[in-house]
């Protein structure tokens, strides 16, 4: 069974992406997967698209790629996000845009299905709750699923009900509820092991703009044979990226977010 490195939400943060790839260089994996949002918010969209295209075995289209290609997709964006998309469009070449347009919205591998936001009816739903996770579980049939979009690392586990007639959400890894969380910093033994009959929906967190009050870049290692998941946190030069955001004329709040990890 494969071992996957799974990243999401790079958001044009070259320093964070480089740090994650440096960390990953010493890890043996069968495939490197990116769940989308390579661009948006950050100052280096072209460099991040170039690198992502080179190093990942599969890249999905996120809502920020969608917005870079279609004006109608900007409707859900706030003022700061729209400003970043306008900056991004000016920074990308036609070759970059053609590359992004080729990325699929979802993908099925042997034992893993991946999407940017959700497998449910709304592909850009922010899945934080058990109800949102239940919609996702209804939308894919593999043992493992992976989504990004929330910028928050976590895992939902669906176990067979006692009657074996239905699947219920056993736990939701929402970092604001410590009693239900099974995700920690890399130094805190963050490897989770799942039972044979569990179905798992994971979120690797964000490389380029974490929102769990930890500014370190986040990504996941999933071993579907051993049925283990590790969330890794990687420090990077946050202040360098923050200065580049401001120097590029992007909203200052975007620099503040990466400093805070929120």
C-alpha atoms as a PDB file:
ATOM      1  CA  UNK A   1       0.000   0.000   0.000  1.00  0.00           C
ATOM      2  CA  UNK A   2       1.320   3.465  -0.853  1.00  0.00           C
ATOM      3  CA  UNK A   3       2.712   6.090   1.435  1.00  0.00           C
ATOM      4  CA  UNK A   4       1.649   9.601   0.468  1.00  0.00           C
ATOM      5  CA  UNK A   5       2.949  13.075   1.254  1.00  0.00           C
ATOM      6  CA  UNK A   6      -0.089  15.366   1.150  1.00  0.00           C
ATOM      7  CA  UNK A   7       0.057  19.159   1.106  1.00  0.00           C
ATOM      8  CA  UNK A   8      -2.547  21.848   0.577  1.00  0.00           C
ATOM      9  CA  UNK A   9      -2.985  25.606   0.506  1.00  0.00           C
ATOM     10  CA  UNK A  10       0.531  26.708  -0.420  1.00  0.00           C
ATOM     11  CA  UNK A  11      -0.887  30.134  -1.267  1.00  0.00           C
ATOM     12  CA  UNK A  12       2.101  31.538  -3.128  1.00  0.00           C
ATOM     13  CA  UNK A  13       4.296  31.290  -0.027  1.00  0.00           C
ATOM     14  CA  UNK A  14       7.650  30.324  -1.496  1.00  0.00           C
ATOM     15  CA  UNK A  15       9.507  30.227   1.809  1.00  0.00           C
ATOM     16  CA  UNK A  16       6.964  27.859   3.369  1.00  0.00           C
ATOM     17  CA  UNK A  17       6.886  25.610   0.302  1.00  0.00           C
ATOM     18  CA  UNK A  18      10.671  25.415   0.178  1.00  0.00           C
ATOM     19  CA  UNK A  19      10.830  24.537   3.877  1.00  0.00           C
ATOM     20  CA  UNK A  20       8.275  21.746   3.464  1.00  0.00           C
ATOM     21  CA  UNK A  21      10.098  20.298   0.470  1.00  0.00           C
ATOM     22  CA  UNK A  22      13.379  20.420   2.398  1.00  0.00           C
ATOM     23  CA  UNK A  23      11.700  18.545   5.252  1.00  0.00           C
ATOM     24  CA  UNK A  24      10.198  16.051   2.836  1.00  0.00           C
ATOM     25  CA  UNK A  25      13.518  15.396   1.114  1.00  0.00           C
ATOM     26  CA  UNK A  26      14.480  12.903   3.803  1.00  0.00           C
ATOM     27  CA  UNK A  27      11.143  11.063   3.766  1.00  0.00           C
ATOM     28  CA  UNK A  28      10.453   7.994   1.630  1.00  0.00           C
ATOM     29  CA  UNK A  29       7.060   8.334  -0.081  1.00  0.00           C
ATOM     30  CA  UNK A  30       5.445   6.802  -3.138  1.00  0.00           C
ATOM     31  CA  UNK A  31       3.631   9.943  -4.270  1.00  0.00           C
ATOM     32  CA  UNK A  32       3.480  13.644  -3.461  1.00  0.00           C
ATOM     33  CA  UNK A  33      -0.001  15.106  -3.698  1.00  0.00           C
ATOM     34  CA  UNK A  34      -1.161  18.732  -3.596  1.00  0.00           C
ATOM     35  CA  UNK A  35      -4.813  19.443  -2.808  1.00  0.00           C
ATOM     36  CA  UNK A  36      -4.928  22.852  -4.480  1.00  0.00           C
ATOM     37  CA  UNK A  37      -4.649  26.558  -3.737  1.00  0.00           C
ATOM     38  CA  UNK A  38      -1.049  26.786  -4.837  1.00  0.00           C
ATOM     39  CA  UNK A  39      -1.766  30.472  -5.503  1.00  0.00           C
ATOM     40  CA  UNK A  40      -3.641  33.313  -3.807  1.00  0.00           C
ATOM     41  CA  UNK A  41      -2.837  35.478  -0.780  1.00  0.00           C
ATOM     42  CA  UNK A  42       0.952  35.254  -1.141  1.00  0.00           C
ATOM     43  CA  UNK A  43       3.647  37.122  -3.078  1.00  0.00           C
ATOM     44  CA  UNK A  44       5.190  34.358  -5.237  1.00  0.00           C
ATOM     45  CA  UNK A  45       2.485  32.689  -7.336  1.00  0.00           C
ATOM     46  CA  UNK A  46       4.611  32.076 -10.436  1.00  0.00           C
ATOM     47  CA  UNK A  47       7.496  30.478  -8.547  1.00  0.00           C
ATOM     48  CA  UNK A  48       5.122  28.287  -6.543  1.00  0.00           C
ATOM     49  CA  UNK A  49       3.286  27.077  -9.658  1.00  0.00           C
ATOM     50  CA  UNK A  50       6.617  26.280 -11.315  1.00  0.00           C
ATOM     51  CA  UNK A  51       7.880  24.315  -8.317  1.00  0.00           C
ATOM     52  CA  UNK A  52       4.584  22.548  -7.654  1.00  0.00           C
ATOM     53  CA  UNK A  53       4.331  21.434 -11.266  1.00  0.00           C
ATOM     54  CA  UNK A  54       7.828  20.011 -11.029  1.00  0.00           C
ATOM     55  CA  UNK A  55       7.689  18.191  -7.686  1.00  0.00           C
ATOM     56  CA  UNK A  56       4.116  16.949  -7.151  1.00  0.00           C
ATOM     57  CA  UNK A  57       2.722  13.827  -8.766  1.00  0.00           C
ATOM     58  CA  UNK A  58      -0.795  15.275  -8.743  1.00  0.00           C
ATOM     59  CA  UNK A  59      -2.156  18.786  -8.161  1.00  0.00           C
ATOM     60  CA  UNK A  60      -5.817  19.671  -7.736  1.00  0.00           C
ATOM     61  CA  UNK A  61      -7.540  22.908  -8.600  1.00  0.00           C
ATOM     62  CA  UNK A  62      -8.552  24.897  -5.536  1.00  0.00           C
ATOM     63  CA  UNK A  63     -10.939  27.801  -5.290  1.00  0.00           C
ATOM     64  CA  UNK A  64      -8.091  30.296  -5.769  1.00  0.00           C
ATOM     65  CA  UNK A  65      -7.043  28.659  -9.035  1.00  0.00           C
ATOM     66  CA  UNK A  66     -10.690  28.649 -10.057  1.00  0.00           C
ATOM     67  CA  UNK A  67     -10.916  32.378  -9.283  1.00  0.00           C
ATOM     68  CA  UNK A  68      -7.738  33.141 -11.209  1.00  0.00           C
ATOM     69  CA  UNK A  69      -9.379  31.597 -14.266  1.00  0.00           C
ATOM     70  CA  UNK A  70     -13.016  32.710 -13.885  1.00  0.00           C
ATOM     71  CA  UNK A  71     -14.405  36.058 -12.746  1.00  0.00           C
ATOM     72  CA  UNK A  72     -17.593  34.349 -11.602  1.00  0.00           C
ATOM     73  CA  UNK A  73     -15.610  32.339  -9.042  1.00  0.00           C
ATOM     74  CA  UNK A  74     -14.616  35.590  -7.298  1.00  0.00           C
ATOM     75  CA  UNK A  75     -18.131  36.044  -5.922  1.00  0.00           C
ATOM     76  CA  UNK A  76     -17.328  34.117  -2.758  1.00  0.00           C
ATOM     77  CA  UNK A  77     -14.133  36.056  -2.096  1.00  0.00           C
ATOM     78  CA  UNK A  78     -13.734  38.887   0.372  1.00  0.00           C
ATOM     79  CA  UNK A  79     -11.978  42.120  -0.558  1.00  0.00           C
ATOM     80  CA  UNK A  80      -8.505  40.944   0.520  1.00  0.00           C
ATOM     81  CA  UNK A  81      -8.791  37.655  -1.332  1.00  0.00           C
ATOM     82  CA  UNK A  82      -9.999  39.441  -4.475  1.00  0.00           C
ATOM     83  CA  UNK A  83      -7.081  41.861  -4.292  1.00  0.00           C
ATOM     84  CA  UNK A  84      -4.702  38.918  -4.079  1.00  0.00           C
ATOM     85  CA  UNK A  85      -6.298  37.256  -7.105  1.00  0.00           C
ATOM     86  CA  UNK A  86      -5.912  40.437  -9.170  1.00  0.00           C
ATOM     87  CA  UNK A  87      -2.243  40.556  -8.129  1.00  0.00           C
ATOM     88  CA  UNK A  88      -1.876  36.863  -8.975  1.00  0.00           C
ATOM     89  CA  UNK A  89      -3.352  37.259 -12.429  1.00  0.00           C
ATOM     90  CA  UNK A  90      -0.792  39.951 -13.155  1.00  0.00           C
ATOM     91  CA  UNK A  91       2.058  37.767 -11.940  1.00  0.00           C
ATOM     92  CA  UNK A  92       1.206  34.637 -13.944  1.00  0.00           C
ATOM     93  CA  UNK A  93       1.945  34.044 -17.606  1.00  0.00           C
ATOM     94  CA  UNK A  94      -0.427  32.442 -20.079  1.00  0.00           C
ATOM     95  CA  UNK A  95       1.593  29.239 -19.689  1.00  0.00           C
ATOM     96  CA  UNK A  96       0.955  29.287 -15.944  1.00  0.00           C
ATOM     97  CA  UNK A  97      -2.769  29.816 -16.488  1.00  0.00           C
ATOM     98  CA  UNK A  98      -2.916  26.996 -19.029  1.00  0.00           C
ATOM     99  CA  UNK A  99      -1.151  24.718 -16.564  1.00  0.00           C
ATOM    100  CA  UNK A 100      -3.562  25.623 -13.764  1.00  0.00           C
ATOM    101  CA  UNK A 101      -6.546  25.060 -16.054  1.00  0.00           C
ATOM    102  CA  UNK A 102      -5.412  21.458 -16.542  1.00  0.00           C
ATOM    103  CA  UNK A 103      -5.624  20.611 -12.834  1.00  0.00           C
ATOM    104  CA  UNK A 104      -8.645  18.465 -11.892  1.00  0.00           C
ATOM    105  CA  UNK A 105     -11.063  19.314  -9.079  1.00  0.00           C
ATOM    106  CA  UNK A 106     -10.801  15.830  -7.551  1.00  0.00           C
ATOM    107  CA  UNK A 107      -8.971  12.568  -8.090  1.00  0.00           C
ATOM    108  CA  UNK A 108      -9.299   8.911  -7.120  1.00  0.00           C
ATOM    109  CA  UNK A 109      -6.237   6.795  -6.411  1.00  0.00           C
ATOM    110  CA  UNK A 110      -6.170   3.121  -5.423  1.00  0.00           C
ATOM    111  CA  UNK A 111      -7.121   3.595  -1.776  1.00  0.00           C
ATOM    112  CA  UNK A 112      -7.386   7.370  -1.467  1.00  0.00           C
ATOM    113  CA  UNK A 113      -9.652  10.027  -2.928  1.00  0.00           C
ATOM    114  CA  UNK A 114      -8.663  13.681  -2.838  1.00  0.00           C
ATOM    115  CA  UNK A 115     -10.489  16.994  -3.291  1.00  0.00           C
ATOM    116  CA  UNK A 116      -9.739  20.573  -2.356  1.00  0.00           C
ATOM    117  CA  UNK A 117     -12.706  21.434  -0.163  1.00  0.00           C
ATOM    118  CA  UNK A 118     -15.297  18.697   0.109  1.00  0.00           C
ATOM    119  CA  UNK A 119     -16.679  15.563  -1.513  1.00  0.00           C
ATOM    120  CA  UNK A 120     -20.176  16.810  -0.664  1.00  0.00           C
ATOM    121  CA  UNK A 121     -22.593  18.812  -2.829  1.00  0.00           C
ATOM    122  CA  UNK A 122     -20.641  22.067  -2.329  1.00  0.00           C
ATOM    123  CA  UNK A 123     -17.042  21.442  -3.447  1.00  0.00           C
ATOM    124  CA  UNK A 124     -15.852  24.522  -1.554  1.00  0.00           C
ATOM    125  CA  UNK A 125     -17.575  23.824   1.745  1.00  0.00           C
ATOM    126  CA  UNK A 126     -15.397  24.447   4.803  1.00  0.00           C
ATOM    127  CA  UNK A 127     -15.501  21.102   6.598  1.00  0.00           C
ATOM    128  CA  UNK A 128     -15.138  21.724  10.326  1.00  0.00           C
ATOM    129  CA  UNK A 129     -18.126  19.879  11.776  1.00  0.00           C
ATOM    130  CA  UNK A 130     -19.317  16.303  12.066  1.00  0.00           C
ATOM    131  CA  UNK A 131     -22.203  17.185   9.743  1.00  0.00           C
ATOM    132  CA  UNK A 132     -19.810  18.472   7.095  1.00  0.00           C
ATOM    133  CA  UNK A 133     -17.638  15.387   7.488  1.00  0.00           C
ATOM    134  CA  UNK A 134     -20.688  13.135   7.146  1.00  0.00           C
ATOM    135  CA  UNK A 135     -21.511  14.812   3.811  1.00  0.00           C
ATOM    136  CA  UNK A 136     -17.940  14.147   2.712  1.00  0.00           C
ATOM    137  CA  UNK A 137     -18.075  10.487   3.700  1.00  0.00           C
ATOM    138  CA  UNK A 138     -21.241  10.142   1.625  1.00  0.00           C
ATOM    139  CA  UNK A 139     -19.368  11.582  -1.360  1.00  0.00           C
ATOM    140  CA  UNK A 140     -16.451   9.168  -1.605  1.00  0.00           C
ATOM    141  CA  UNK A 141     -16.073   5.424  -1.175  1.00  0.00           C
ATOM    142  CA  UNK A 142     -12.347   4.863  -0.636  1.00  0.00           C
ATOM    143  CA  UNK A 143     -10.934   3.892   2.778  1.00  0.00           C
ATOM    144  CA  UNK A 144      -9.153   7.256   2.940  1.00  0.00           C
ATOM    145  CA  UNK A 145     -10.091  10.739   1.786  1.00  0.00           C
ATOM    146  CA  UNK A 146      -8.101  13.973   1.935  1.00  0.00           C
ATOM    147  CA  UNK A 147      -9.289  17.567   1.713  1.00  0.00           C
ATOM    148  CA  UNK A 148      -7.780  20.988   2.409  1.00  0.00           C
ATOM    149  CA  UNK A 149      -9.392  24.456   2.224  1.00  0.00           C
ATOM    150  CA  UNK A 150      -9.864  25.108   5.974  1.00  0.00           C
ATOM    151  CA  UNK A 151      -6.119  25.636   6.581  1.00  0.00           C
ATOM    152  CA  UNK A 152      -6.565  23.589   9.772  1.00  0.00           C
ATOM    153  CA  UNK A 153      -5.030  20.122  10.205  1.00  0.00           C
ATOM    154  CA  UNK A 154      -7.408  17.475  11.465  1.00  0.00           C
ATOM    155  CA  UNK A 155      -8.939  14.070  10.988  1.00  0.00           C
ATOM    156  CA  UNK A 156     -12.464  12.679  10.995  1.00  0.00           C
ATOM    157  CA  UNK A 157     -12.909   8.948  11.528  1.00  0.00           C
ATOM    158  CA  UNK A 158     -16.058   7.068  10.498  1.00  0.00           C
ATOM    159  CA  UNK A 159     -16.538   3.698  12.190  1.00  0.00           C
ATOM    160  CA  UNK A 160     -19.225   1.091  11.492  1.00  0.00           C
ATOM    161  CA  UNK A 161     -22.229   1.470  13.775  1.00  0.00           C
ATOM    162  CA  UNK A 162     -22.938  -1.511  16.067  1.00  0.00           C
ATOM    163  CA  UNK A 163     -25.675  -2.700  13.709  1.00  0.00           C
ATOM    164  CA  UNK A 164     -23.264  -2.416  10.755  1.00  0.00           C
ATOM    165  CA  UNK A 165     -26.157  -0.747   8.960  1.00  0.00           C
ATOM    166  CA  UNK A 166     -24.670   2.731   8.819  1.00  0.00           C
ATOM    167  CA  UNK A 167     -21.480   4.706   9.255  1.00  0.00           C
ATOM    168  CA  UNK A 168     -21.235   7.317  11.973  1.00  0.00           C
ATOM    169  CA  UNK A 169     -18.619   9.964  12.582  1.00  0.00           C
ATOM    170  CA  UNK A 170     -16.635   8.830  15.587  1.00  0.00           C
ATOM    171  CA  UNK A 171     -14.433  11.830  16.130  1.00  0.00           C
ATOM    172  CA  UNK A 172     -13.773  15.215  14.613  1.00  0.00           C
ATOM    173  CA  UNK A 173     -10.364  16.818  14.882  1.00  0.00           C
ATOM    174  CA  UNK A 174     -11.271  20.438  15.458  1.00  0.00           C
ATOM    175  CA  UNK A 175      -8.395  22.182  17.126  1.00  0.00           C
ATOM    176  CA  UNK A 176     -10.603  24.414  19.241  1.00  0.00           C
ATOM    177  CA  UNK A 177     -11.983  21.349  21.028  1.00  0.00           C
ATOM    178  CA  UNK A 178      -8.953  19.687  22.653  1.00  0.00           C
ATOM    179  CA  UNK A 179     -10.924  16.783  24.103  1.00  0.00           C
ATOM    180  CA  UNK A 180     -11.688  15.492  20.588  1.00  0.00           C
ATOM    181  CA  UNK A 181      -8.402  16.355  18.909  1.00  0.00           C
ATOM    182  CA  UNK A 182      -5.842  13.717  17.967  1.00  0.00           C
ATOM    183  CA  UNK A 183      -3.525  16.087  16.112  1.00  0.00           C
ATOM    184  CA  UNK A 184      -0.520  17.720  17.774  1.00  0.00           C
ATOM    185  CA  UNK A 185       2.743  19.370  16.834  1.00  0.00           C
ATOM    186  CA  UNK A 186       5.353  17.119  15.261  1.00  0.00           C
ATOM    187  CA  UNK A 187       7.308  17.117  18.521  1.00  0.00           C
ATOM    188  CA  UNK A 188       4.254  15.785  20.392  1.00  0.00           C
ATOM    189  CA  UNK A 189       4.043  12.369  18.682  1.00  0.00           C
ATOM    190  CA  UNK A 190       1.340  13.287  16.172  1.00  0.00           C
ATOM    191  CA  UNK A 191       1.162   9.866  14.493  1.00  0.00           C
ATOM    192  CA  UNK A 192      -2.348   8.386  14.540  1.00  0.00           C
ATOM    193  CA  UNK A 193      -3.165   4.732  13.883  1.00  0.00           C
ATOM    194  CA  UNK A 194      -6.596   3.725  12.601  1.00  0.00           C
ATOM    195  CA  UNK A 195      -8.579   0.521  13.017  1.00  0.00           C
ATOM    196  CA  UNK A 196      -9.026  -1.786  10.048  1.00  0.00           C
ATOM    197  CA  UNK A 197     -12.693  -0.916   9.496  1.00  0.00           C
ATOM    198  CA  UNK A 198     -12.318   2.838   9.976  1.00  0.00           C
ATOM    199  CA  UNK A 199     -12.795   5.243   7.113  1.00  0.00           C
ATOM    200  CA  UNK A 200     -10.604   8.304   7.424  1.00  0.00           C
ATOM    201  CA  UNK A 201     -11.043  11.876   6.192  1.00  0.00           C
ATOM    202  CA  UNK A 202      -7.914  13.930   6.783  1.00  0.00           C
ATOM    203  CA  UNK A 203      -6.909  17.534   6.341  1.00  0.00           C
ATOM    204  CA  UNK A 204      -3.145  18.181   6.166  1.00  0.00           C
ATOM    205  CA  UNK A 205      -3.492  21.835   7.146  1.00  0.00           C
ATOM    206  CA  UNK A 206      -1.919  24.651   5.169  1.00  0.00           C
ATOM    207  CA  UNK A 207       1.608  25.082   3.919  1.00  0.00           C
ATOM    208  CA  UNK A 208       1.363  28.799   3.264  1.00  0.00           C
ATOM    209  CA  UNK A 209      -1.274  30.277   5.562  1.00  0.00           C
ATOM    210  CA  UNK A 210      -2.050  28.106   8.628  1.00  0.00           C
ATOM    211  CA  UNK A 211      -5.092  29.098  10.669  1.00  0.00           C
ATOM    212  CA  UNK A 212      -4.674  27.043  13.834  1.00  0.00           C
ATOM    213  CA  UNK A 213      -2.649  29.607  15.811  1.00  0.00           C
ATOM    214  CA  UNK A 214       0.577  27.933  14.732  1.00  0.00           C
ATOM    215  CA  UNK A 215       2.452  29.785  11.965  1.00  0.00           C
ATOM    216  CA  UNK A 216       4.574  26.754  11.035  1.00  0.00           C
ATOM    217  CA  UNK A 217       3.822  25.161   7.668  1.00  0.00           C
ATOM    218  CA  UNK A 218       1.738  21.994   7.924  1.00  0.00           C
ATOM    219  CA  UNK A 219       1.530  18.849   5.820  1.00  0.00           C
ATOM    220  CA  UNK A 220       0.650  15.164   6.216  1.00  0.00           C
ATOM    221  CA  UNK A 221       2.210  11.762   5.705  1.00  0.00           C
ATOM    222  CA  UNK A 222      -0.350   9.008   5.143  1.00  0.00           C
ATOM    223  CA  UNK A 223       0.570   5.316   5.027  1.00  0.00           C
ATOM    224  CA  UNK A 224      -2.510   3.453   3.838  1.00  0.00           C
ATOM    225  CA  UNK A 225      -0.942   0.048   4.449  1.00  0.00           C
ATOM    226  CA  UNK A 226       0.085   0.705   8.044  1.00  0.00           C
ATOM    227  CA  UNK A 227      -3.055   2.875   8.407  1.00  0.00           C
ATOM    228  CA  UNK A 228      -1.110   5.685  10.021  1.00  0.00           C
ATOM    229  CA  UNK A 229      -1.233   9.454   9.650  1.00  0.00           C
ATOM    230  CA  UNK A 230       1.396  11.951  10.726  1.00  0.00           C
ATOM    231  CA  UNK A 231       0.943  15.717  10.677  1.00  0.00           C
ATOM    232  CA  UNK A 232       4.287  17.466  10.386  1.00  0.00           C
ATOM    233  CA  UNK A 233       4.944  21.123  11.244  1.00  0.00           C
ATOM    234  CA  UNK A 234       7.840  22.928   9.627  1.00  0.00           C
ATOM    235  CA  UNK A 235       9.114  26.382  10.654  1.00  0.00           C
ATOM    236  CA  UNK A 236      10.109  28.817   7.919  1.00  0.00           C
ATOM    237  CA  UNK A 237      11.094  32.467   7.550  1.00  0.00           C
ATOM    238  CA  UNK A 238       7.643  33.941   8.171  1.00  0.00           C
ATOM    239  CA  UNK A 239       8.909  37.502   8.432  1.00  0.00           C
ATOM    240  CA  UNK A 240      10.585  37.336   5.031  1.00  0.00           C
ATOM    241  CA  UNK A 241       7.302  36.284   3.429  1.00  0.00           C
ATOM    242  CA  UNK A 242       5.378  38.920   5.395  1.00  0.00           C
ATOM    243  CA  UNK A 243       7.704  41.651   4.128  1.00  0.00           C
ATOM    244  CA  UNK A 244       7.304  40.412   0.565  1.00  0.00           C
ATOM    245  CA  UNK A 245       3.512  40.529   0.915  1.00  0.00           C
ATOM    246  CA  UNK A 246       3.654  44.166   2.009  1.00  0.00           C
ATOM    247  CA  UNK A 247       6.263  45.116  -0.604  1.00  0.00           C
ATOM    248  CA  UNK A 248       4.046  43.597  -3.316  1.00  0.00           C
ATOM    249  CA  UNK A 249       1.238  45.953  -2.333  1.00  0.00           C
ATOM    250  CA  UNK A 250      -0.984  43.156  -1.056  1.00  0.00           C
ATOM    251  CA  UNK A 251      -3.263  43.833   1.940  1.00  0.00           C
ATOM    252  CA  UNK A 252      -1.245  44.098   5.162  1.00  0.00           C
ATOM    253  CA  UNK A 253      -3.740  41.810   6.897  1.00  0.00           C
ATOM    254  CA  UNK A 254      -2.381  38.940   4.783  1.00  0.00           C
ATOM    255  CA  UNK A 255       1.051  39.502   6.316  1.00  0.00           C
ATOM    256  CA  UNK A 256      -0.465  39.593   9.789  1.00  0.00           C
ATOM    257  CA  UNK A 257      -2.245  36.292   9.212  1.00  0.00           C
ATOM    258  CA  UNK A 258       0.907  34.346   8.466  1.00  0.00           C
ATOM    259  CA  UNK A 259       2.686  35.912  11.440  1.00  0.00           C
ATOM    260  CA  UNK A 260      -0.115  34.769  13.742  1.00  0.00           C
ATOM    261  CA  UNK A 261      -0.977  31.513  12.031  1.00  0.00           C
ATOM    262  CA  UNK A 262      -4.598  32.631  12.093  1.00  0.00           C
END
